[in-house]
Amino acid sequence: MGKEYERIEPRLREFIDSQKIFFVATAPLAGDGHVNLSPKGRAGTWRVLDEHTVAYLDFGGSHAETIAHLRENGRITLMWCAFDGPPNIVRVHGRGEPVFRDDPRFDELVAGFGEADGPALRAVIVVTAELVSDTCGFAVPFMDYRSERELHADYFGRKSDEEFREYTGKKPYNLASIDGLPAVPLPLPPR
């Protein structure tokens, strides 16, 4: 059954590192605002930096809800669940911060992801854990992993960084969230 931890213990880190997908949940402060829940994948795009800090690469697309919520209030929950092997769910509840391309920390953070860096990278999301928990996951179904989807990397890989920056600027939910909160600061700086 469920347990709470003060840090990301080695057993939890091993579990996190072995999962193929994780989920990110954020919400605005406004009670009538939209809660956001996003799946994240792409091999190598998340890392446990230390026993209290996790980071993942934030690739561009048509929305930036997570970034908008983090800029407004910083609240975030990350969740990993086992779809094979022993059942388990791990959550990191904490405070997140988008580290954008023009931040002095950006290049060093990105370098730690090695080959996972790719086209359309707009930020690194850094999360400081305030509460770490795991629960049984007994009701999570078994699912088989087949392969990575290459569509995002292929699509944006055909665009230059300048074309990606133009794309980002044309999508209304990159500049602001669906609730109108500031999201990605535009124009996006070049890499």
N, C-alpha and C. Protein backbone atom coordinates (compact mmCIF):
# COMPACT_ATOMS: atom_id res chain seq x y z
N MET A 1 0.82 -1.19 0.00
CA MET A 1 0.00 0.00 0.00
C MET A 1 0.87 1.25 0.00
N GLY A 2 0.26 2.42 -0.05
CA GLY A 2 0.96 3.67 -0.27
C GLY A 2 1.94 4.06 0.83
N LYS A 3 3.06 4.65 0.41
CA LYS A 3 4.07 5.16 1.33
C LYS A 3 4.50 6.54 0.85
N GLU A 4 4.97 7.35 1.79
CA GLU A 4 5.51 8.66 1.47
C GLU A 4 6.99 8.67 1.82
N TYR A 5 7.76 9.44 1.05
CA TYR A 5 9.20 9.50 1.21
C TYR A 5 9.65 10.96 1.22
N GLU A 6 10.75 11.21 1.88
CA GLU A 6 11.32 12.56 1.93
C GLU A 6 12.21 12.84 0.73
N ARG A 7 12.56 11.80 0.01
CA ARG A 7 13.46 11.95 -1.13
C ARG A 7 13.18 10.84 -2.13
N ILE A 8 13.81 10.94 -3.29
CA ILE A 8 13.71 9.89 -4.30
C ILE A 8 14.75 8.84 -3.95
N GLU A 9 14.31 7.81 -3.30
CA GLU A 9 15.22 6.76 -2.84
C GLU A 9 15.72 5.93 -4.03
N PRO A 10 16.85 5.25 -3.88
CA PRO A 10 17.42 4.48 -4.99
C PRO A 10 16.42 3.51 -5.65
N ARG A 11 15.60 2.84 -4.86
CA ARG A 11 14.62 1.91 -5.43
C ARG A 11 13.61 2.64 -6.31
N LEU A 12 13.18 3.82 -5.88
CA LEU A 12 12.23 4.61 -6.66
C LEU A 12 12.89 5.16 -7.92
N ARG A 13 14.13 5.58 -7.79
CA ARG A 13 14.88 6.08 -8.94
C ARG A 13 15.04 4.99 -9.99
N GLU A 14 15.36 3.80 -9.56
CA GLU A 14 15.50 2.67 -10.49
C GLU A 14 14.18 2.43 -11.23
N PHE A 15 13.07 2.49 -10.48
CA PHE A 15 11.75 2.31 -11.10
C PHE A 15 11.49 3.41 -12.13
N ILE A 16 11.70 4.66 -11.74
CA ILE A 16 11.47 5.79 -12.65
C ILE A 16 12.31 5.63 -13.91
N ASP A 17 13.57 5.31 -13.75
CA ASP A 17 14.48 5.19 -14.89
C ASP A 17 14.08 4.08 -15.86
N SER A 18 13.34 3.09 -15.37
CA SER A 18 13.00 1.95 -16.23
C SER A 18 11.66 2.12 -16.97
N GLN A 19 10.92 3.19 -16.70
CA GLN A 19 9.61 3.38 -17.34
C GLN A 19 9.75 4.05 -18.70
N LYS A 20 8.84 3.72 -19.61
CA LYS A 20 8.87 4.25 -20.97
C LYS A 20 8.04 5.52 -21.12
N ILE A 21 7.19 5.81 -20.15
CA ILE A 21 6.29 6.95 -20.24
C ILE A 21 6.04 7.48 -18.83
N PHE A 22 5.77 8.77 -18.74
CA PHE A 22 5.33 9.35 -17.48
C PHE A 22 4.29 10.41 -17.79
N PHE A 23 3.62 10.87 -16.77
CA PHE A 23 2.53 11.83 -16.92
C PHE A 23 2.81 13.05 -16.07
N VAL A 24 2.42 14.22 -16.59
CA VAL A 24 2.64 15.50 -15.93
C VAL A 24 1.28 16.16 -15.71
N ALA A 25 1.01 16.57 -14.47
CA ALA A 25 -0.25 17.25 -14.15
C ALA A 25 0.05 18.62 -13.54
N THR A 26 -0.65 19.63 -14.04
CA THR A 26 -0.55 20.99 -13.52
C THR A 26 -1.93 21.62 -13.57
N ALA A 27 -2.09 22.75 -12.88
CA ALA A 27 -3.37 23.46 -12.89
C ALA A 27 -3.13 24.93 -12.59
N PRO A 28 -3.98 25.79 -13.13
CA PRO A 28 -3.90 27.20 -12.78
C PRO A 28 -4.47 27.43 -11.38
N LEU A 29 -4.25 28.61 -10.85
CA LEU A 29 -4.82 28.93 -9.54
C LEU A 29 -6.33 29.13 -9.61
N ALA A 30 -6.83 29.65 -10.71
CA ALA A 30 -8.25 29.92 -10.84
C ALA A 30 -9.07 28.64 -10.74
N GLY A 31 -10.11 28.68 -9.93
CA GLY A 31 -10.96 27.50 -9.74
C GLY A 31 -11.67 27.06 -11.00
N ASP A 32 -11.90 27.98 -11.92
CA ASP A 32 -12.58 27.60 -13.17
C ASP A 32 -11.59 27.37 -14.31
N GLY A 33 -10.29 27.36 -13.98
CA GLY A 33 -9.26 27.10 -14.99
C GLY A 33 -9.18 25.63 -15.34
N HIS A 34 -8.50 25.34 -16.41
CA HIS A 34 -8.40 23.97 -16.91
C HIS A 34 -7.18 23.26 -16.34
N VAL A 35 -7.43 22.08 -15.76
CA VAL A 35 -6.35 21.21 -15.29
C VAL A 35 -5.71 20.60 -16.53
N ASN A 36 -4.40 20.47 -16.52
CA ASN A 36 -3.70 19.86 -17.65
C ASN A 36 -3.05 18.56 -17.21
N LEU A 37 -3.15 17.55 -18.05
CA LEU A 37 -2.50 16.26 -17.84
C LEU A 37 -1.90 15.85 -19.17
N SER A 38 -0.59 15.65 -19.19
CA SER A 38 0.11 15.34 -20.44
C SER A 38 0.97 14.10 -20.29
N PRO A 39 0.92 13.20 -21.28
CA PRO A 39 1.87 12.08 -21.30
C PRO A 39 3.19 12.57 -21.87
N LYS A 40 4.28 12.02 -21.36
CA LYS A 40 5.61 12.36 -21.86
C LYS A 40 6.37 11.07 -22.12
N GLY A 41 7.16 11.07 -23.16
CA GLY A 41 7.93 9.88 -23.49
C GLY A 41 9.25 10.26 -24.11
N ARG A 42 9.58 9.65 -25.22
CA ARG A 42 10.86 9.79 -25.91
C ARG A 42 11.99 9.38 -24.99
N ALA A 43 12.59 8.30 -25.32
CA ALA A 43 13.65 7.70 -24.51
C ALA A 43 14.72 8.72 -24.14
N GLY A 44 15.08 8.72 -22.88
CA GLY A 44 16.16 9.55 -22.39
C GLY A 44 15.81 10.99 -22.11
N THR A 45 14.53 11.36 -22.20
CA THR A 45 14.15 12.77 -22.06
C THR A 45 13.81 13.17 -20.63
N TRP A 46 13.96 12.27 -19.67
CA TRP A 46 13.80 12.66 -18.26
C TRP A 46 14.95 12.07 -17.47
N ARG A 47 15.29 12.79 -16.40
CA ARG A 47 16.42 12.38 -15.56
C ARG A 47 16.11 12.70 -14.11
N VAL A 48 16.59 11.85 -13.25
CA VAL A 48 16.63 12.16 -11.83
C VAL A 48 17.98 12.82 -11.61
N LEU A 49 17.97 14.10 -11.24
CA LEU A 49 19.22 14.84 -11.07
C LEU A 49 19.86 14.58 -9.72
N ASP A 50 19.04 14.46 -8.70
CA ASP A 50 19.51 14.10 -7.36
C ASP A 50 18.30 13.60 -6.59
N GLU A 51 18.46 13.34 -5.32
CA GLU A 51 17.37 12.71 -4.56
C GLU A 51 16.16 13.62 -4.33
N HIS A 52 16.25 14.88 -4.75
CA HIS A 52 15.13 15.82 -4.59
C HIS A 52 14.75 16.51 -5.90
N THR A 53 15.45 16.22 -7.00
CA THR A 53 15.25 16.99 -8.23
C THR A 53 15.16 16.07 -9.44
N VAL A 54 14.17 16.36 -10.29
CA VAL A 54 13.96 15.64 -11.54
C VAL A 54 13.89 16.69 -12.65
N ALA A 55 14.25 16.32 -13.85
CA ALA A 55 14.14 17.24 -14.98
C ALA A 55 13.73 16.47 -16.22
N TYR A 56 13.04 17.16 -17.11
CA TYR A 56 12.72 16.56 -18.40
C TYR A 56 12.77 17.61 -19.50
N LEU A 57 13.01 17.14 -20.72
CA LEU A 57 13.06 18.02 -21.87
C LEU A 57 11.65 18.33 -22.33
N ASP A 58 11.38 19.61 -22.57
CA ASP A 58 10.07 20.05 -23.04
C ASP A 58 10.18 20.43 -24.50
N PHE A 59 9.60 19.58 -25.35
CA PHE A 59 9.62 19.81 -26.78
C PHE A 59 8.38 20.57 -27.20
N GLY A 60 8.55 21.43 -28.19
CA GLY A 60 7.45 22.26 -28.65
C GLY A 60 6.39 21.48 -29.40
N GLY A 61 5.23 22.06 -29.41
CA GLY A 61 4.08 21.52 -30.11
C GLY A 61 3.04 22.62 -30.22
N SER A 62 1.79 22.25 -30.13
CA SER A 62 0.73 23.23 -30.32
C SER A 62 0.25 23.87 -29.02
N HIS A 63 0.67 23.38 -27.87
CA HIS A 63 0.24 23.92 -26.58
C HIS A 63 1.41 24.05 -25.63
N ALA A 64 1.22 24.87 -24.60
CA ALA A 64 2.24 25.05 -23.57
C ALA A 64 1.57 25.23 -22.21
N GLU A 65 0.60 24.39 -21.92
CA GLU A 65 -0.16 24.50 -20.67
C GLU A 65 0.72 24.31 -19.45
N THR A 66 1.58 23.30 -19.48
CA THR A 66 2.45 23.04 -18.33
C THR A 66 3.31 24.26 -18.02
N ILE A 67 3.92 24.81 -19.05
CA ILE A 67 4.77 25.98 -18.86
C ILE A 67 3.96 27.14 -18.27
N ALA A 68 2.77 27.38 -18.80
CA ALA A 68 1.95 28.48 -18.30
C ALA A 68 1.61 28.30 -16.82
N HIS A 69 1.22 27.09 -16.45
CA HIS A 69 0.87 26.83 -15.04
C HIS A 69 2.09 26.98 -14.14
N LEU A 70 3.23 26.48 -14.59
CA LEU A 70 4.44 26.60 -13.78
C LEU A 70 4.85 28.06 -13.62
N ARG A 71 4.71 28.84 -14.67
CA ARG A 71 5.05 30.26 -14.55
C ARG A 71 4.10 30.97 -13.59
N GLU A 72 2.86 30.52 -13.54
CA GLU A 72 1.90 31.17 -12.64
C GLU A 72 2.09 30.75 -11.19
N ASN A 73 2.24 29.43 -10.95
CA ASN A 73 2.20 28.97 -9.56
C ASN A 73 3.20 27.87 -9.21
N GLY A 74 3.87 27.28 -10.18
CA GLY A 74 4.91 26.30 -9.91
C GLY A 74 4.46 24.90 -9.51
N ARG A 75 3.16 24.69 -9.28
CA ARG A 75 2.71 23.38 -8.81
C ARG A 75 2.73 22.34 -9.93
N ILE A 76 3.23 21.14 -9.60
CA ILE A 76 3.33 20.08 -10.60
C ILE A 76 3.38 18.72 -9.91
N THR A 77 2.81 17.74 -10.56
CA THR A 77 2.93 16.35 -10.13
C THR A 77 3.36 15.52 -11.34
N LEU A 78 4.37 14.70 -11.15
CA LEU A 78 4.82 13.74 -12.16
C LEU A 78 4.44 12.35 -11.69
N MET A 79 4.01 11.49 -12.61
CA MET A 79 3.61 10.14 -12.23
C MET A 79 4.16 9.12 -13.22
N TRP A 80 4.75 8.08 -12.68
CA TRP A 80 5.20 6.93 -13.46
C TRP A 80 4.43 5.73 -12.96
N CYS A 81 3.96 4.86 -13.86
CA CYS A 81 3.28 3.64 -13.43
C CYS A 81 3.79 2.46 -14.24
N ALA A 82 3.80 1.32 -13.59
CA ALA A 82 4.29 0.09 -14.23
C ALA A 82 3.20 -0.50 -15.11
N PHE A 83 3.52 -0.71 -16.37
CA PHE A 83 2.61 -1.40 -17.28
C PHE A 83 3.07 -2.84 -17.51
N ASP A 84 4.25 -3.17 -16.97
CA ASP A 84 4.72 -4.55 -16.97
C ASP A 84 5.45 -4.79 -15.66
N GLY A 85 5.77 -6.01 -15.36
CA GLY A 85 6.45 -6.33 -14.10
C GLY A 85 5.57 -6.10 -12.89
N PRO A 86 6.18 -5.99 -11.71
CA PRO A 86 5.40 -5.78 -10.49
C PRO A 86 4.64 -4.46 -10.54
N PRO A 87 3.42 -4.43 -9.99
CA PRO A 87 2.64 -3.20 -10.02
C PRO A 87 3.24 -2.13 -9.11
N ASN A 88 3.23 -0.91 -9.59
CA ASN A 88 3.73 0.21 -8.78
C ASN A 88 3.36 1.51 -9.47
N ILE A 89 3.13 2.55 -8.68
CA ILE A 89 2.93 3.91 -9.16
C ILE A 89 3.79 4.81 -8.28
N VAL A 90 4.59 5.66 -8.91
CA VAL A 90 5.42 6.61 -8.18
C VAL A 90 5.01 8.01 -8.60
N ARG A 91 4.83 8.87 -7.61
CA ARG A 91 4.50 10.27 -7.87
C ARG A 91 5.54 11.17 -7.21
N VAL A 92 5.90 12.23 -7.93
CA VAL A 92 6.72 13.29 -7.39
C VAL A 92 5.85 14.55 -7.41
N HIS A 93 5.48 15.01 -6.23
CA HIS A 93 4.71 16.24 -6.08
C HIS A 93 5.70 17.34 -5.75
N GLY A 94 5.63 18.46 -6.44
CA GLY A 94 6.61 19.48 -6.13
C GLY A 94 6.39 20.79 -6.83
N ARG A 95 7.48 21.49 -6.96
CA ARG A 95 7.52 22.80 -7.61
C ARG A 95 8.36 22.67 -8.86
N GLY A 96 7.82 23.17 -9.96
CA GLY A 96 8.52 23.09 -11.23
C GLY A 96 8.85 24.45 -11.77
N GLU A 97 9.88 24.46 -12.59
CA GLU A 97 10.33 25.69 -13.22
C GLU A 97 10.76 25.38 -14.65
N PRO A 98 10.23 26.13 -15.62
CA PRO A 98 10.75 25.98 -16.98
C PRO A 98 12.06 26.76 -17.12
N VAL A 99 13.08 26.09 -17.60
CA VAL A 99 14.37 26.74 -17.87
C VAL A 99 14.42 26.91 -19.39
N PHE A 100 14.31 28.16 -19.83
CA PHE A 100 14.21 28.46 -21.25
C PHE A 100 15.58 28.58 -21.90
N ARG A 101 15.57 28.63 -23.22
CA ARG A 101 16.78 28.66 -24.03
C ARG A 101 17.74 29.80 -23.68
N ASP A 102 17.22 30.91 -23.20
CA ASP A 102 18.09 32.05 -22.91
C ASP A 102 18.55 32.08 -21.45
N ASP A 103 18.22 31.05 -20.69
CA ASP A 103 18.65 30.95 -19.29
C ASP A 103 20.09 30.40 -19.27
N PRO A 104 20.97 30.96 -18.45
CA PRO A 104 22.35 30.48 -18.40
C PRO A 104 22.48 28.99 -18.02
N ARG A 105 21.48 28.43 -17.37
CA ARG A 105 21.52 27.02 -16.97
C ARG A 105 21.12 26.07 -18.09
N PHE A 106 20.50 26.58 -19.14
CA PHE A 106 19.90 25.75 -20.18
C PHE A 106 20.89 24.78 -20.80
N ASP A 107 22.01 25.28 -21.33
CA ASP A 107 22.96 24.43 -22.05
C ASP A 107 23.50 23.30 -21.19
N GLU A 108 23.83 23.61 -19.94
CA GLU A 108 24.37 22.58 -19.05
C GLU A 108 23.32 21.51 -18.74
N LEU A 109 22.08 21.96 -18.50
CA LEU A 109 21.01 20.99 -18.25
C LEU A 109 20.79 20.09 -19.46
N VAL A 110 20.71 20.68 -20.64
CA VAL A 110 20.47 19.91 -21.86
C VAL A 110 21.59 18.92 -22.11
N ALA A 111 22.83 19.33 -21.87
CA ALA A 111 23.97 18.45 -22.11
C ALA A 111 23.86 17.15 -21.31
N GLY A 112 23.25 17.19 -20.16
CA GLY A 112 23.09 16.01 -19.33
C GLY A 112 22.16 14.95 -19.93
N PHE A 113 21.39 15.33 -20.94
CA PHE A 113 20.47 14.39 -21.58
C PHE A 113 21.10 13.70 -22.79
N GLY A 114 22.30 14.09 -23.15
CA GLY A 114 23.03 13.44 -24.24
C GLY A 114 22.25 13.43 -25.54
N GLU A 115 22.12 12.26 -26.13
CA GLU A 115 21.49 12.11 -27.44
C GLU A 115 19.98 12.33 -27.43
N ALA A 116 19.37 12.45 -26.25
CA ALA A 116 17.92 12.68 -26.18
C ALA A 116 17.55 14.08 -26.64
N ASP A 117 18.52 15.01 -26.61
CA ASP A 117 18.29 16.36 -27.14
C ASP A 117 17.88 16.21 -28.60
N GLY A 118 16.98 17.05 -29.04
CA GLY A 118 16.54 16.93 -30.42
C GLY A 118 15.86 18.18 -30.91
N PRO A 119 15.31 18.10 -32.11
CA PRO A 119 14.66 19.27 -32.69
C PRO A 119 13.44 19.68 -31.86
N ALA A 120 13.16 20.96 -31.87
CA ALA A 120 11.98 21.56 -31.24
C ALA A 120 12.06 21.62 -29.71
N LEU A 121 13.26 21.57 -29.17
CA LEU A 121 13.41 21.71 -27.73
C LEU A 121 13.23 23.18 -27.36
N ARG A 122 12.29 23.46 -26.46
CA ARG A 122 12.03 24.85 -26.09
C ARG A 122 12.38 25.15 -24.64
N ALA A 123 12.45 24.12 -23.78
CA ALA A 123 12.74 24.35 -22.36
C ALA A 123 13.13 23.03 -21.70
N VAL A 124 13.72 23.15 -20.53
CA VAL A 124 13.92 22.01 -19.65
C VAL A 124 13.07 22.30 -18.42
N ILE A 125 12.23 21.35 -18.05
CA ILE A 125 11.40 21.51 -16.86
C ILE A 125 12.15 20.87 -15.70
N VAL A 126 12.43 21.66 -14.68
CA VAL A 126 13.14 21.18 -13.49
C VAL A 126 12.14 21.16 -12.34
N VAL A 127 12.03 20.01 -11.70
CA VAL A 127 11.05 19.83 -10.62
C VAL A 127 11.78 19.49 -9.32
N THR A 128 11.49 20.27 -8.30
CA THR A 128 12.01 20.00 -6.96
C THR A 128 10.92 19.30 -6.16
N ALA A 129 11.21 18.10 -5.70
CA ALA A 129 10.21 17.29 -4.99
C ALA A 129 9.93 17.86 -3.61
N GLU A 130 8.64 17.97 -3.30
CA GLU A 130 8.21 18.33 -1.95
C GLU A 130 7.64 17.11 -1.24
N LEU A 131 7.13 16.18 -2.04
CA LEU A 131 6.59 14.93 -1.52
C LEU A 131 6.79 13.87 -2.59
N VAL A 132 7.30 12.73 -2.20
CA VAL A 132 7.47 11.59 -3.10
C VAL A 132 6.65 10.46 -2.52
N SER A 133 5.88 9.79 -3.37
CA SER A 133 5.04 8.70 -2.86
C SER A 133 4.98 7.57 -3.87
N ASP A 134 4.67 6.39 -3.34
CA ASP A 134 4.35 5.29 -4.24
C ASP A 134 3.14 4.56 -3.71
N THR A 135 2.40 3.98 -4.64
CA THR A 135 1.21 3.21 -4.30
C THR A 135 1.24 1.92 -5.10
N CYS A 136 0.30 1.06 -4.81
CA CYS A 136 0.35 -0.32 -5.31
C CYS A 136 0.23 -0.46 -6.82
N GLY A 137 -0.63 0.27 -7.46
CA GLY A 137 -0.82 0.10 -8.90
C GLY A 137 -1.50 -1.20 -9.27
N PHE A 138 -2.21 -1.81 -8.34
CA PHE A 138 -2.84 -3.11 -8.60
C PHE A 138 -3.85 -3.06 -9.75
N ALA A 139 -4.47 -1.92 -10.00
CA ALA A 139 -5.50 -1.83 -11.04
C ALA A 139 -4.96 -1.35 -12.39
N VAL A 140 -3.66 -1.05 -12.48
CA VAL A 140 -3.07 -0.62 -13.75
C VAL A 140 -2.92 -1.84 -14.65
N PRO A 141 -3.43 -1.77 -15.88
CA PRO A 141 -3.36 -2.95 -16.76
C PRO A 141 -1.95 -3.22 -17.26
N PHE A 142 -1.72 -4.46 -17.66
CA PHE A 142 -0.48 -4.81 -18.35
C PHE A 142 -0.57 -4.28 -19.77
N MET A 143 0.48 -3.67 -20.23
CA MET A 143 0.53 -3.19 -21.61
C MET A 143 1.94 -3.43 -22.14
N ASP A 144 2.04 -3.79 -23.39
CA ASP A 144 3.34 -4.09 -23.99
C ASP A 144 3.89 -2.88 -24.73
N TYR A 145 5.15 -2.60 -24.48
CA TYR A 145 5.87 -1.53 -25.18
C TYR A 145 6.36 -2.09 -26.51
N ARG A 146 6.09 -1.38 -27.60
CA ARG A 146 6.55 -1.82 -28.92
C ARG A 146 7.76 -1.03 -29.38
N SER A 147 7.63 0.29 -29.41
CA SER A 147 8.75 1.11 -29.88
C SER A 147 8.44 2.59 -29.63
N GLU A 148 9.46 3.40 -29.85
CA GLU A 148 9.28 4.85 -29.76
C GLU A 148 8.52 5.33 -30.98
N ARG A 149 7.74 6.38 -30.81
CA ARG A 149 7.15 7.06 -31.97
C ARG A 149 8.16 8.09 -32.44
N GLU A 150 8.42 8.10 -33.71
CA GLU A 150 9.41 9.01 -34.28
C GLU A 150 8.77 10.24 -34.94
N LEU A 151 7.44 10.34 -34.92
CA LEU A 151 6.73 11.37 -35.67
C LEU A 151 7.15 12.79 -35.28
N HIS A 152 7.21 13.07 -33.99
CA HIS A 152 7.55 14.43 -33.54
C HIS A 152 8.97 14.79 -33.98
N ALA A 153 9.91 13.92 -33.69
CA ALA A 153 11.31 14.19 -34.05
C ALA A 153 11.47 14.29 -35.57
N ASP A 154 10.79 13.43 -36.32
CA ASP A 154 10.88 13.49 -37.78
C ASP A 154 10.29 14.78 -38.31
N TYR A 155 9.10 15.14 -37.83
CA TYR A 155 8.42 16.35 -38.31
C TYR A 155 9.27 17.60 -38.04
N PHE A 156 9.68 17.76 -36.79
CA PHE A 156 10.45 18.96 -36.46
C PHE A 156 11.90 18.86 -36.93
N GLY A 157 12.38 17.66 -37.15
CA GLY A 157 13.73 17.48 -37.68
C GLY A 157 13.87 17.98 -39.10
N ARG A 158 12.74 18.10 -39.82
CA ARG A 158 12.76 18.64 -41.18
C ARG A 158 12.73 20.16 -41.18
N LYS A 159 12.56 20.77 -40.01
CA LYS A 159 12.52 22.23 -39.90
C LYS A 159 13.83 22.74 -39.33
N SER A 160 14.25 23.88 -39.80
CA SER A 160 15.40 24.54 -39.18
C SER A 160 14.94 25.10 -37.84
N ASP A 161 15.88 25.50 -37.02
CA ASP A 161 15.49 26.10 -35.74
C ASP A 161 14.68 27.37 -35.98
N GLU A 162 15.04 28.13 -37.00
CA GLU A 162 14.28 29.34 -37.32
C GLU A 162 12.84 28.99 -37.70
N GLU A 163 12.67 27.94 -38.50
CA GLU A 163 11.31 27.52 -38.88
C GLU A 163 10.53 27.04 -37.66
N PHE A 164 11.20 26.33 -36.74
CA PHE A 164 10.52 25.91 -35.51
C PHE A 164 10.10 27.13 -34.70
N ARG A 165 10.97 28.11 -34.60
CA ARG A 165 10.65 29.32 -33.84
C ARG A 165 9.46 30.03 -34.46
N GLU A 166 9.38 30.08 -35.79
CA GLU A 166 8.23 30.68 -36.48
C GLU A 166 6.96 29.88 -36.19
N TYR A 167 7.07 28.55 -36.25
CA TYR A 167 5.94 27.67 -35.94
C TYR A 167 5.41 27.97 -34.53
N THR A 168 6.32 28.04 -33.57
CA THR A 168 5.93 28.30 -32.18
C THR A 168 5.19 29.62 -32.06
N GLY A 169 5.68 30.63 -32.74
CA GLY A 169 5.06 31.95 -32.67
C GLY A 169 3.67 32.02 -33.29
N LYS A 170 3.36 31.09 -34.19
CA LYS A 170 2.05 31.10 -34.87
C LYS A 170 0.97 30.33 -34.11
N LYS A 171 1.36 29.52 -33.14
CA LYS A 171 0.39 28.72 -32.40
C LYS A 171 -0.12 29.53 -31.20
N PRO A 172 -1.42 29.79 -31.14
CA PRO A 172 -1.93 30.68 -30.09
C PRO A 172 -1.72 30.14 -28.68
N TYR A 173 -1.66 28.83 -28.51
CA TYR A 173 -1.52 28.29 -27.15
C TYR A 173 -0.08 28.02 -26.76
N ASN A 174 0.86 28.61 -27.50
CA ASN A 174 2.25 28.65 -27.07
C ASN A 174 2.52 29.96 -26.34
N LEU A 175 1.97 31.06 -26.84
CA LEU A 175 2.13 32.36 -26.21
C LEU A 175 1.35 32.44 -24.89
N ALA A 176 0.17 31.85 -24.89
CA ALA A 176 -0.69 31.85 -23.70
C ALA A 176 -1.41 30.52 -23.61
N SER A 177 -1.79 30.14 -22.39
CA SER A 177 -2.53 28.89 -22.18
C SER A 177 -3.96 29.04 -22.65
N ILE A 178 -4.72 27.95 -22.61
CA ILE A 178 -6.13 28.02 -23.00
C ILE A 178 -6.93 28.90 -22.06
N ASP A 179 -6.38 29.17 -20.86
CA ASP A 179 -7.02 30.08 -19.91
C ASP A 179 -6.45 31.49 -19.99
N GLY A 180 -5.53 31.73 -20.94
CA GLY A 180 -4.98 33.06 -21.12
C GLY A 180 -3.76 33.40 -20.28
N LEU A 181 -3.17 32.41 -19.62
CA LEU A 181 -1.97 32.65 -18.82
C LEU A 181 -0.74 32.71 -19.71
N PRO A 182 0.23 33.58 -19.41
CA PRO A 182 1.46 33.63 -20.22
C PRO A 182 2.15 32.27 -20.22
N ALA A 183 2.57 31.84 -21.40
CA ALA A 183 3.22 30.52 -21.52
C ALA A 183 4.66 30.73 -22.00
N VAL A 184 4.97 30.34 -23.23
CA VAL A 184 6.33 30.44 -23.74
C VAL A 184 6.63 31.90 -24.08
N PRO A 185 7.70 32.45 -23.49
CA PRO A 185 8.07 33.82 -23.87
C PRO A 185 8.53 33.85 -25.33
N LEU A 186 7.84 34.64 -26.12
CA LEU A 186 8.16 34.73 -27.55
C LEU A 186 8.71 36.12 -27.87
N PRO A 187 9.56 36.25 -28.86
CA PRO A 187 10.00 35.18 -29.74
C PRO A 187 10.96 34.23 -29.03
N LEU A 188 10.88 32.98 -29.40
CA LEU A 188 11.75 31.96 -28.83
C LEU A 188 13.18 32.26 -29.26
N PRO A 189 14.11 32.31 -28.30
CA PRO A 189 15.52 32.57 -28.68
C PRO A 189 16.07 31.43 -29.54
N PRO A 190 17.02 31.73 -30.42
CA PRO A 190 17.65 30.66 -31.21
C PRO A 190 18.52 29.78 -30.32
N ARG A 191 18.82 28.59 -30.81
CA ARG A 191 19.73 27.67 -30.10
C ARG A 191 21.10 27.76 -30.68
